[in-house]
Amino acid sequence: GGYWQMKRNITGEGDLVLDRTNMKLIFPPVAM
C-alpha cells in the first residue's frame, strides 16, 4: 500500500489534468 501510493504520487497517474496545449481534459483512471 505504501509503495503503490508513493508511486502514484510521483507519476501523477491519479491527477485530473487540464492540458491546454492539446485542448484536453484528462480524467484519472476509475480502477487500479
Full PDB file with SEQRES, HELIX, SHEET, SSBOND, CRYST1, ORIGX, SCALE, CONECT and MASTER records, all heavy atoms in Angstrom:
SEQRES   1 A   32  GLY GLY TYR TRP GLN MET LYS ARG ASN ILE THR GLY GLU          
SEQRES   2 A   32  GLY ASP LEU VAL LEU ASP ARG THR ASN MET LYS LEU ILE          
SEQRES   3 A   32  PHE PRO PRO VAL ALA MET                                      
HELIX    1 AA1 GLY A    2  THR A   11  1                                  10    
SHEET    1 AA1 2 VAL A  17  ASP A  19  0                                        
SHEET    2 AA1 2 LYS A  24  ILE A  26 -1                                        
CRYST1    1.000    1.000    1.000  90.00  90.00  90.00 P 1           1          
ORIGX1      1.000000  0.000000  0.000000        0.00000                         
ORIGX2      0.000000  1.000000  0.000000        0.00000                         
ORIGX3      0.000000  0.000000  1.000000        0.00000                         
SCALE1      1.000000  0.000000  0.000000        0.00000                         
SCALE2      0.000000  1.000000  0.000000        0.00000                         
SCALE3      0.000000  0.000000  1.000000        0.00000                         
ATOM      1  N   GLY A   1       0.812  -1.213   0.000  1.00  0.00           N  
ATOM      2  CA  GLY A   1       0.000   0.000   0.000  1.00  0.00           C  
ATOM      3  C   GLY A   1       0.843   1.259   0.000  1.00  0.00           C  
ATOM      4  O   GLY A   1       0.562   2.211  -0.736  1.00  0.00           O  
ATOM      5  N   GLY A   2       1.894   1.266   0.825  1.00  0.00           N  
ATOM      6  CA  GLY A   2       2.771   2.433   0.874  1.00  0.00           C  
ATOM      7  C   GLY A   2       3.513   2.644  -0.436  1.00  0.00           C  
ATOM      8  O   GLY A   2       3.633   3.774  -0.931  1.00  0.00           O  
ATOM      9  N   TYR A   3       4.023   1.536  -1.024  1.00  0.00           N  
ATOM     10  CA  TYR A   3       4.754   1.636  -2.296  1.00  0.00           C  
ATOM     11  C   TYR A   3       3.828   2.099  -3.418  1.00  0.00           C  
ATOM     12  O   TYR A   3       4.188   2.964  -4.224  1.00  0.00           O  
ATOM     13  CB  TYR A   3       5.364   0.281  -2.646  1.00  0.00           C  
ATOM     14  CG  TYR A   3       5.916   0.208  -4.054  1.00  0.00           C  
ATOM     15  CD1 TYR A   3       7.145   0.788  -4.376  1.00  0.00           C  
ATOM     16  CD2 TYR A   3       5.191  -0.415  -5.079  1.00  0.00           C  
ATOM     17  CE1 TYR A   3       7.639   0.739  -5.673  1.00  0.00           C  
ATOM     18  CE2 TYR A   3       5.679  -0.465  -6.376  1.00  0.00           C  
ATOM     19  CZ  TYR A   3       6.902   0.109  -6.669  1.00  0.00           C  
ATOM     20  OH  TYR A   3       7.380   0.072  -7.942  1.00  0.00           O  
ATOM     21  N   TRP A   4       2.620   1.495  -3.466  1.00  0.00           N  
ATOM     22  CA  TRP A   4       1.667   1.861  -4.515  1.00  0.00           C  
ATOM     23  C   TRP A   4       1.314   3.339  -4.447  1.00  0.00           C  
ATOM     24  O   TRP A   4       1.255   4.036  -5.474  1.00  0.00           O  
ATOM     25  CB  TRP A   4       0.409   1.004  -4.380  1.00  0.00           C  
ATOM     26  CG  TRP A   4      -0.669   1.340  -5.357  1.00  0.00           C  
ATOM     27  CD1 TRP A   4      -0.763   0.954  -6.658  1.00  0.00           C  
ATOM     28  CD2 TRP A   4      -1.831   2.154  -5.106  1.00  0.00           C  
ATOM     29  NE1 TRP A   4      -1.900   1.464  -7.241  1.00  0.00           N  
ATOM     30  CE2 TRP A   4      -2.579   2.203  -6.307  1.00  0.00           C  
ATOM     31  CE3 TRP A   4      -2.306   2.824  -3.986  1.00  0.00           C  
ATOM     32  CZ2 TRP A   4      -3.766   2.904  -6.417  1.00  0.00           C  
ATOM     33  CZ3 TRP A   4      -3.500   3.526  -4.098  1.00  0.00           C  
ATOM     34  CH2 TRP A   4      -4.211   3.564  -5.291  1.00  0.00           C  
ATOM     35  N   GLN A   5       1.101   3.848  -3.239  1.00  0.00           N  
ATOM     36  CA  GLN A   5       0.718   5.256  -3.103  1.00  0.00           C  
ATOM     37  C   GLN A   5       1.893   6.172  -3.431  1.00  0.00           C  
ATOM     38  O   GLN A   5       1.709   7.224  -4.059  1.00  0.00           O  
ATOM     39  CB  GLN A   5       0.217   5.531  -1.693  1.00  0.00           C  
ATOM     40  CG  GLN A   5      -0.347   6.931  -1.515  1.00  0.00           C  
ATOM     41  CD  GLN A   5      -1.505   7.212  -2.453  1.00  0.00           C  
ATOM     42  OE1 GLN A   5      -2.518   6.529  -2.432  1.00  0.00           O  
ATOM     43  NE2 GLN A   5      -1.363   8.216  -3.305  1.00  0.00           N  
ATOM     44  N   MET A   6       3.090   5.796  -3.022  1.00  0.00           N  
ATOM     45  CA  MET A   6       4.262   6.611  -3.340  1.00  0.00           C  
ATOM     46  C   MET A   6       4.459   6.699  -4.851  1.00  0.00           C  
ATOM     47  O   MET A   6       4.727   7.783  -5.399  1.00  0.00           O  
ATOM     48  CB  MET A   6       5.508   6.019  -2.674  1.00  0.00           C  
ATOM     49  CG  MET A   6       6.761   6.867  -2.821  1.00  0.00           C  
ATOM     50  SD  MET A   6       8.182   6.083  -2.018  1.00  0.00           S  
ATOM     51  CE  MET A   6       7.602   6.023  -0.321  1.00  0.00           C  
ATOM     52  N   LYS A   7       4.318   5.564  -5.524  1.00  0.00           N  
ATOM     53  CA  LYS A   7       4.446   5.547  -6.991  1.00  0.00           C  
ATOM     54  C   LYS A   7       3.358   6.409  -7.627  1.00  0.00           C  
ATOM     55  O   LYS A   7       3.619   7.150  -8.589  1.00  0.00           O  
ATOM     56  CB  LYS A   7       4.355   4.105  -7.487  1.00  0.00           C  
ATOM     57  CG  LYS A   7       4.400   3.932  -8.992  1.00  0.00           C  
ATOM     58  CD  LYS A   7       4.392   2.468  -9.341  1.00  0.00           C  
ATOM     59  CE  LYS A   7       4.343   2.245 -10.861  1.00  0.00           C  
ATOM     60  NZ  LYS A   7       3.050   2.646 -11.443  1.00  0.00           N  
ATOM     61  N   ARG A   8       2.156   6.316  -7.103  1.00  0.00           N  
ATOM     62  CA  ARG A   8       1.033   7.104  -7.630  1.00  0.00           C  
ATOM     63  C   ARG A   8       1.291   8.600  -7.458  1.00  0.00           C  
ATOM     64  O   ARG A   8       0.983   9.403  -8.354  1.00  0.00           O  
ATOM     65  CB  ARG A   8      -0.238   6.682  -6.905  1.00  0.00           C  
ATOM     66  CG  ARG A   8      -1.547   7.226  -7.458  1.00  0.00           C  
ATOM     67  CD  ARG A   8      -2.684   6.563  -6.720  1.00  0.00           C  
ATOM     68  NE  ARG A   8      -3.969   7.135  -7.040  1.00  0.00           N  
ATOM     69  CZ  ARG A   8      -4.710   6.793  -8.096  1.00  0.00           C  
ATOM     70  NH1 ARG A   8      -4.249   5.891  -8.941  1.00  0.00           N  
ATOM     71  NH2 ARG A   8      -5.893   7.339  -8.309  1.00  0.00           N  
ATOM     72  N   ASN A   9       1.853   8.981  -6.313  1.00  0.00           N  
ATOM     73  CA  ASN A   9       2.154  10.393  -6.070  1.00  0.00           C  
ATOM     74  C   ASN A   9       3.202  10.905  -7.056  1.00  0.00           C  
ATOM     75  O   ASN A   9       3.117  12.031  -7.557  1.00  0.00           O  
ATOM     76  CB  ASN A   9       2.664  10.590  -4.647  1.00  0.00           C  
ATOM     77  CG  ASN A   9       1.578  10.382  -3.599  1.00  0.00           C  
ATOM     78  OD1 ASN A   9       0.408  10.206  -3.920  1.00  0.00           O  
ATOM     79  ND2 ASN A   9       1.965  10.386  -2.342  1.00  0.00           N  
ATOM     80  N   ILE A  10       4.226  10.074  -7.312  1.00  0.00           N  
ATOM     81  CA  ILE A  10       5.335  10.506  -8.168  1.00  0.00           C  
ATOM     82  C   ILE A  10       4.917  10.600  -9.630  1.00  0.00           C  
ATOM     83  O   ILE A  10       5.232  11.569 -10.335  1.00  0.00           O  
ATOM     84  CB  ILE A  10       6.528   9.548  -8.000  1.00  0.00           C  
ATOM     85  CG1 ILE A  10       7.111   9.659  -6.587  1.00  0.00           C  
ATOM     86  CG2 ILE A  10       7.618   9.857  -9.034  1.00  0.00           C  
ATOM     87  CD1 ILE A  10       8.170   8.626  -6.268  1.00  0.00           C  
ATOM     88  N   THR A  11       4.198   9.590 -10.108  1.00  0.00           N  
ATOM     89  CA  THR A  11       3.833   9.553 -11.524  1.00  0.00           C  
ATOM     90  C   THR A  11       2.654  10.453 -11.869  1.00  0.00           C  
ATOM     91  O   THR A  11       2.475  10.835 -13.029  1.00  0.00           O  
ATOM     92  CB  THR A  11       3.485   8.115 -11.943  1.00  0.00           C  
ATOM     93  OG1 THR A  11       2.364   7.641 -11.165  1.00  0.00           O  
ATOM     94  CG2 THR A  11       4.677   7.181 -11.720  1.00  0.00           C  
ATOM     95  N   GLY A  12       1.835  10.790 -10.864  1.00  0.00           N  
ATOM     96  CA  GLY A  12       0.672  11.641 -11.127  1.00  0.00           C  
ATOM     97  C   GLY A  12      -0.431  10.926 -11.871  1.00  0.00           C  
ATOM     98  O   GLY A  12      -1.287  11.568 -12.505  1.00  0.00           O  
ATOM     99  N   GLU A  13      -0.472   9.580 -11.796  1.00  0.00           N  
ATOM    100  CA  GLU A  13      -1.472   8.825 -12.546  1.00  0.00           C  
ATOM    101  C   GLU A  13      -2.891   9.036 -12.024  1.00  0.00           C  
ATOM    102  O   GLU A  13      -3.858   8.700 -12.702  1.00  0.00           O  
ATOM    103  CB  GLU A  13      -1.132   7.332 -12.533  1.00  0.00           C  
ATOM    104  CG  GLU A  13      -1.135   6.713 -11.151  1.00  0.00           C  
ATOM    105  CD  GLU A  13      -0.647   5.272 -11.179  1.00  0.00           C  
ATOM    106  OE1 GLU A  13       0.528   5.055 -11.498  1.00  0.00           O  
ATOM    107  OE2 GLU A  13      -1.452   4.386 -10.867  1.00  0.00           O  
ATOM    108  N   GLY A  14      -3.010   9.597 -10.824  1.00  0.00           N  
ATOM    109  CA  GLY A  14      -4.340   9.870 -10.291  1.00  0.00           C  
ATOM    110  C   GLY A  14      -4.769  11.320 -10.453  1.00  0.00           C  
ATOM    111  O   GLY A  14      -5.761  11.747  -9.860  1.00  0.00           O  
ATOM    112  N   ASP A  15      -4.036  12.086 -11.263  1.00  0.00           N  
ATOM    113  CA  ASP A  15      -4.315  13.512 -11.419  1.00  0.00           C  
ATOM    114  C   ASP A  15      -5.476  13.773 -12.384  1.00  0.00           C  
ATOM    115  O   ASP A  15      -5.679  13.039 -13.354  1.00  0.00           O  
ATOM    116  CB  ASP A  15      -3.084  14.243 -11.954  1.00  0.00           C  
ATOM    117  CG  ASP A  15      -1.904  14.189 -11.009  1.00  0.00           C  
ATOM    118  OD1 ASP A  15      -2.076  13.691  -9.880  1.00  0.00           O  
ATOM    119  OD2 ASP A  15      -0.803  14.616 -11.412  1.00  0.00           O  
ATOM    120  N   LEU A  16      -6.215  14.835 -12.102  1.00  0.00           N  
ATOM    121  CA  LEU A  16      -7.134  15.421 -13.072  1.00  0.00           C  
ATOM    122  C   LEU A  16      -6.349  16.519 -13.779  1.00  0.00           C  
ATOM    123  O   LEU A  16      -5.861  17.447 -13.125  1.00  0.00           O  
ATOM    124  CB  LEU A  16      -8.368  15.996 -12.378  1.00  0.00           C  
ATOM    125  CG  LEU A  16      -9.368  16.715 -13.275  1.00  0.00           C  
ATOM    126  CD1 LEU A  16     -10.060  15.731 -14.215  1.00  0.00           C  
ATOM    127  CD2 LEU A  16     -10.405  17.467 -12.441  1.00  0.00           C  
ATOM    128  N   VAL A  17      -6.213  16.415 -15.109  1.00  0.00           N  
ATOM    129  CA  VAL A  17      -5.287  17.286 -15.840  1.00  0.00           C  
ATOM    130  C   VAL A  17      -6.031  18.154 -16.845  1.00  0.00           C  
ATOM    131  O   VAL A  17      -6.815  17.636 -17.658  1.00  0.00           O  
ATOM    132  CB  VAL A  17      -4.211  16.452 -16.575  1.00  0.00           C  
ATOM    133  CG1 VAL A  17      -3.216  17.379 -17.280  1.00  0.00           C  
ATOM    134  CG2 VAL A  17      -3.487  15.535 -15.596  1.00  0.00           C  
ATOM    135  N   LEU A  18      -5.780  19.458 -16.789  1.00  0.00           N  
ATOM    136  CA  LEU A  18      -6.220  20.384 -17.828  1.00  0.00           C  
ATOM    137  C   LEU A  18      -5.017  20.633 -18.734  1.00  0.00           C  
ATOM    138  O   LEU A  18      -4.054  21.299 -18.333  1.00  0.00           O  
ATOM    139  CB  LEU A  18      -6.689  21.711 -17.234  1.00  0.00           C  
ATOM    140  CG  LEU A  18      -8.164  21.821 -16.850  1.00  0.00           C  
ATOM    141  CD1 LEU A  18      -8.431  20.963 -15.614  1.00  0.00           C  
ATOM    142  CD2 LEU A  18      -8.530  23.266 -16.564  1.00  0.00           C  
ATOM    143  N   ASP A  19      -5.057  20.042 -19.914  1.00  0.00           N  
ATOM    144  CA  ASP A  19      -3.955  20.165 -20.874  1.00  0.00           C  
ATOM    145  C   ASP A  19      -4.347  21.185 -21.926  1.00  0.00           C  
ATOM    146  O   ASP A  19      -5.060  20.893 -22.885  1.00  0.00           O  
ATOM    147  CB  ASP A  19      -3.682  18.799 -21.506  1.00  0.00           C  
ATOM    148  CG  ASP A  19      -2.462  18.821 -22.425  1.00  0.00           C  
ATOM    149  OD1 ASP A  19      -1.967  19.927 -22.743  1.00  0.00           O  
ATOM    150  OD2 ASP A  19      -2.016  17.734 -22.827  1.00  0.00           O  
ATOM    151  N   ARG A  20      -3.859  22.403 -21.753  1.00  0.00           N  
ATOM    152  CA  ARG A  20      -4.244  23.487 -22.658  1.00  0.00           C  
ATOM    153  C   ARG A  20      -3.519  23.407 -23.993  1.00  0.00           C  
ATOM    154  O   ARG A  20      -3.996  23.937 -24.993  1.00  0.00           O  
ATOM    155  CB  ARG A  20      -3.983  24.835 -21.988  1.00  0.00           C  
ATOM    156  CG  ARG A  20      -4.880  25.075 -20.770  1.00  0.00           C  
ATOM    157  CD  ARG A  20      -4.542  26.384 -20.078  1.00  0.00           C  
ATOM    158  NE  ARG A  20      -5.468  26.647 -18.987  1.00  0.00           N  
ATOM    159  CZ  ARG A  20      -5.357  26.132 -17.774  1.00  0.00           C  
ATOM    160  NH1 ARG A  20      -4.346  25.323 -17.517  1.00  0.00           N  
ATOM    161  NH2 ARG A  20      -6.237  26.417 -16.836  1.00  0.00           N  
ATOM    162  N   THR A  21      -2.373  22.758 -24.017  1.00  0.00           N  
ATOM    163  CA  THR A  21      -1.639  22.616 -25.271  1.00  0.00           C  
ATOM    164  C   THR A  21      -2.420  21.754 -26.258  1.00  0.00           C  
ATOM    165  O   THR A  21      -2.551  22.085 -27.443  1.00  0.00           O  
ATOM    166  CB  THR A  21      -0.255  21.994 -25.019  1.00  0.00           C  
ATOM    167  OG1 THR A  21       0.479  22.821 -24.125  1.00  0.00           O  
ATOM    168  CG2 THR A  21       0.515  21.851 -26.327  1.00  0.00           C  
ATOM    169  N   ASN A  22      -2.923  20.617 -25.774  1.00  0.00           N  
ATOM    170  CA  ASN A  22      -3.665  19.685 -26.630  1.00  0.00           C  
ATOM    171  C   ASN A  22      -5.182  19.845 -26.515  1.00  0.00           C  
ATOM    172  O   ASN A  22      -5.933  19.040 -27.062  1.00  0.00           O  
ATOM    173  CB  ASN A  22      -3.277  18.247 -26.279  1.00  0.00           C  
ATOM    174  CG  ASN A  22      -1.812  17.973 -26.539  1.00  0.00           C  
ATOM    175  OD1 ASN A  22      -1.328  18.166 -27.648  1.00  0.00           O  
ATOM    176  ND2 ASN A  22      -1.092  17.532 -25.512  1.00  0.00           N  
ATOM    177  N   MET A  23      -5.598  20.873 -25.774  1.00  0.00           N  
ATOM    178  CA  MET A  23      -7.016  21.170 -25.605  1.00  0.00           C  
ATOM    179  C   MET A  23      -7.798  19.961 -25.082  1.00  0.00           C  
ATOM    180  O   MET A  23      -8.832  19.578 -25.606  1.00  0.00           O  
ATOM    181  CB  MET A  23      -7.628  21.634 -26.934  1.00  0.00           C  
ATOM    182  CG  MET A  23      -6.953  22.827 -27.537  1.00  0.00           C  
ATOM    183  SD  MET A  23      -7.450  24.353 -26.727  1.00  0.00           S  
ATOM    184  CE  MET A  23      -9.095  24.536 -27.360  1.00  0.00           C  
ATOM    185  N   LYS A  24      -7.282  19.332 -24.000  1.00  0.00           N  
ATOM    186  CA  LYS A  24      -7.899  18.138 -23.451  1.00  0.00           C  
ATOM    187  C   LYS A  24      -8.087  18.260 -21.942  1.00  0.00           C  
ATOM    188  O   LYS A  24      -7.316  18.930 -21.255  1.00  0.00           O  
ATOM    189  CB  LYS A  24      -7.042  16.898 -23.750  1.00  0.00           C  
ATOM    190  CG  LYS A  24      -7.027  16.486 -25.213  1.00  0.00           C  
ATOM    191  CD  LYS A  24      -6.206  15.220 -25.413  1.00  0.00           C  
ATOM    192  CE  LYS A  24      -6.243  14.772 -26.872  1.00  0.00           C  
ATOM    193  NZ  LYS A  24      -5.445  13.523 -27.079  1.00  0.00           N  
ATOM    194  N   LEU A  25      -9.120  17.580 -21.462  1.00  0.00           N  
ATOM    195  CA  LEU A  25      -9.305  17.370 -20.034  1.00  0.00           C  
ATOM    196  C   LEU A  25      -9.092  15.874 -19.812  1.00  0.00           C  
ATOM    197  O   LEU A  25      -9.782  15.041 -20.394  1.00  0.00           O  
ATOM    198  CB  LEU A  25     -10.711  17.779 -19.589  1.00  0.00           C  
ATOM    199  CG  LEU A  25     -11.013  17.628 -18.091  1.00  0.00           C  
ATOM    200  CD1 LEU A  25     -10.095  18.497 -17.247  1.00  0.00           C  
ATOM    201  CD2 LEU A  25     -12.476  17.980 -17.805  1.00  0.00           C  
ATOM    202  N   ILE A  26      -8.114  15.523 -18.965  1.00  0.00           N  
ATOM    203  CA  ILE A  26      -7.719  14.134 -18.766  1.00  0.00           C  
ATOM    204  C   ILE A  26      -8.173  13.693 -17.378  1.00  0.00           C  
ATOM    205  O   ILE A  26      -7.759  14.263 -16.367  1.00  0.00           O  
ATOM    206  CB  ILE A  26      -6.193  13.968 -18.906  1.00  0.00           C  
ATOM    207  CG1 ILE A  26      -5.731  14.504 -20.272  1.00  0.00           C  
ATOM    208  CG2 ILE A  26      -5.791  12.509 -18.740  1.00  0.00           C  
ATOM    209  CD1 ILE A  26      -4.223  14.544 -20.436  1.00  0.00           C  
ATOM    210  N   PHE A  27      -9.025  12.668 -17.345  1.00  0.00           N  
ATOM    211  CA  PHE A  27      -9.580  12.163 -16.097  1.00  0.00           C  
ATOM    212  C   PHE A  27      -8.731  11.000 -15.585  1.00  0.00           C  
ATOM    213  O   PHE A  27      -8.253  10.177 -16.375  1.00  0.00           O  
ATOM    214  CB  PHE A  27     -11.022  11.685 -16.299  1.00  0.00           C  
ATOM    215  CG  PHE A  27     -11.959  12.760 -16.752  1.00  0.00           C  
ATOM    216  CD1 PHE A  27     -12.104  13.051 -18.099  1.00  0.00           C  
ATOM    217  CD2 PHE A  27     -12.692  13.492 -15.832  1.00  0.00           C  
ATOM    218  CE1 PHE A  27     -12.960  14.053 -18.522  1.00  0.00           C  
ATOM    219  CE2 PHE A  27     -13.560  14.485 -16.243  1.00  0.00           C  
ATOM    220  CZ  PHE A  27     -13.696  14.768 -17.598  1.00  0.00           C  
ATOM    221  N   PRO A  28      -8.568  10.887 -14.272  1.00  0.00           N  
ATOM    222  CA  PRO A  28      -7.783   9.769 -13.722  1.00  0.00           C  
ATOM    223  C   PRO A  28      -8.503   8.448 -13.940  1.00  0.00           C  
ATOM    224  O   PRO A  28      -9.730   8.413 -14.093  1.00  0.00           O  
ATOM    225  CB  PRO A  28      -7.679  10.109 -12.233  1.00  0.00           C  
ATOM    226  CG  PRO A  28      -8.831  11.006 -11.949  1.00  0.00           C  
ATOM    227  CD  PRO A  28      -9.066  11.779 -13.214  1.00  0.00           C  
ATOM    228  N   PRO A  29      -7.763   7.321 -13.962  1.00  0.00           N  
ATOM    229  CA  PRO A  29      -8.394   6.000 -14.142  1.00  0.00           C  
ATOM    230  C   PRO A  29      -9.413   5.735 -13.044  1.00  0.00           C  
ATOM    231  O   PRO A  29      -9.221   6.119 -11.886  1.00  0.00           O  
ATOM    232  CB  PRO A  29      -7.214   5.026 -14.047  1.00  0.00           C  
ATOM    233  CG  PRO A  29      -6.002   5.854 -14.334  1.00  0.00           C  
ATOM    234  CD  PRO A  29      -6.301   7.228 -13.828  1.00  0.00           C  
ATOM    235  N   VAL A  30     -10.497   5.069 -13.399  1.00  0.00           N  
ATOM    236  CA  VAL A  30     -11.536   4.758 -12.416  1.00  0.00           C  
ATOM    237  C   VAL A  30     -11.216   3.492 -11.647  1.00  0.00           C  
ATOM    238  O   VAL A  30     -11.838   3.197 -10.627  1.00  0.00           O  
ATOM    239  CB  VAL A  30     -12.910   4.603 -13.102  1.00  0.00           C  
ATOM    240  CG1 VAL A  30     -13.330   5.914 -13.722  1.00  0.00           C  
ATOM    241  CG2 VAL A  30     -12.868   3.510 -14.167  1.00  0.00           C  
ATOM    242  N   ALA A  31     -10.240   2.695 -12.113  1.00  0.00           N  
ATOM    243  CA  ALA A  31      -9.870   1.451 -11.437  1.00  0.00           C  
ATOM    244  C   ALA A  31      -8.368   1.282 -11.474  1.00  0.00           C  
ATOM    245  O   ALA A  31      -7.680   1.846 -12.339  1.00  0.00           O  
ATOM    246  CB  ALA A  31     -10.554   0.253 -12.093  1.00  0.00           C  
ATOM    247  N   MET A  32      -7.840   0.495 -10.500  1.00  0.00           N  
ATOM    248  CA  MET A  32      -6.418   0.234 -10.451  1.00  0.00           C  
ATOM    249  C   MET A  32      -5.980  -0.446 -11.751  1.00  0.00           C  
ATOM    250  O   MET A  32      -6.549  -1.438 -12.175  1.00  0.00           O  
ATOM    251  CB  MET A  32      -6.078  -0.647  -9.251  1.00  0.00           C  
ATOM    252  CG  MET A  32      -4.584  -0.884  -9.064  1.00  0.00           C  
ATOM    253  SD  MET A  32      -4.221  -2.007  -7.674  1.00  0.00           S  
ATOM    254  CE  MET A  32      -4.863  -1.041  -6.312  1.00  0.00           C  
TER     255      MET A  32                                                      
MASTER        0    0    0    1    2    0    0    6  254    1    0    3          
END                                                                             
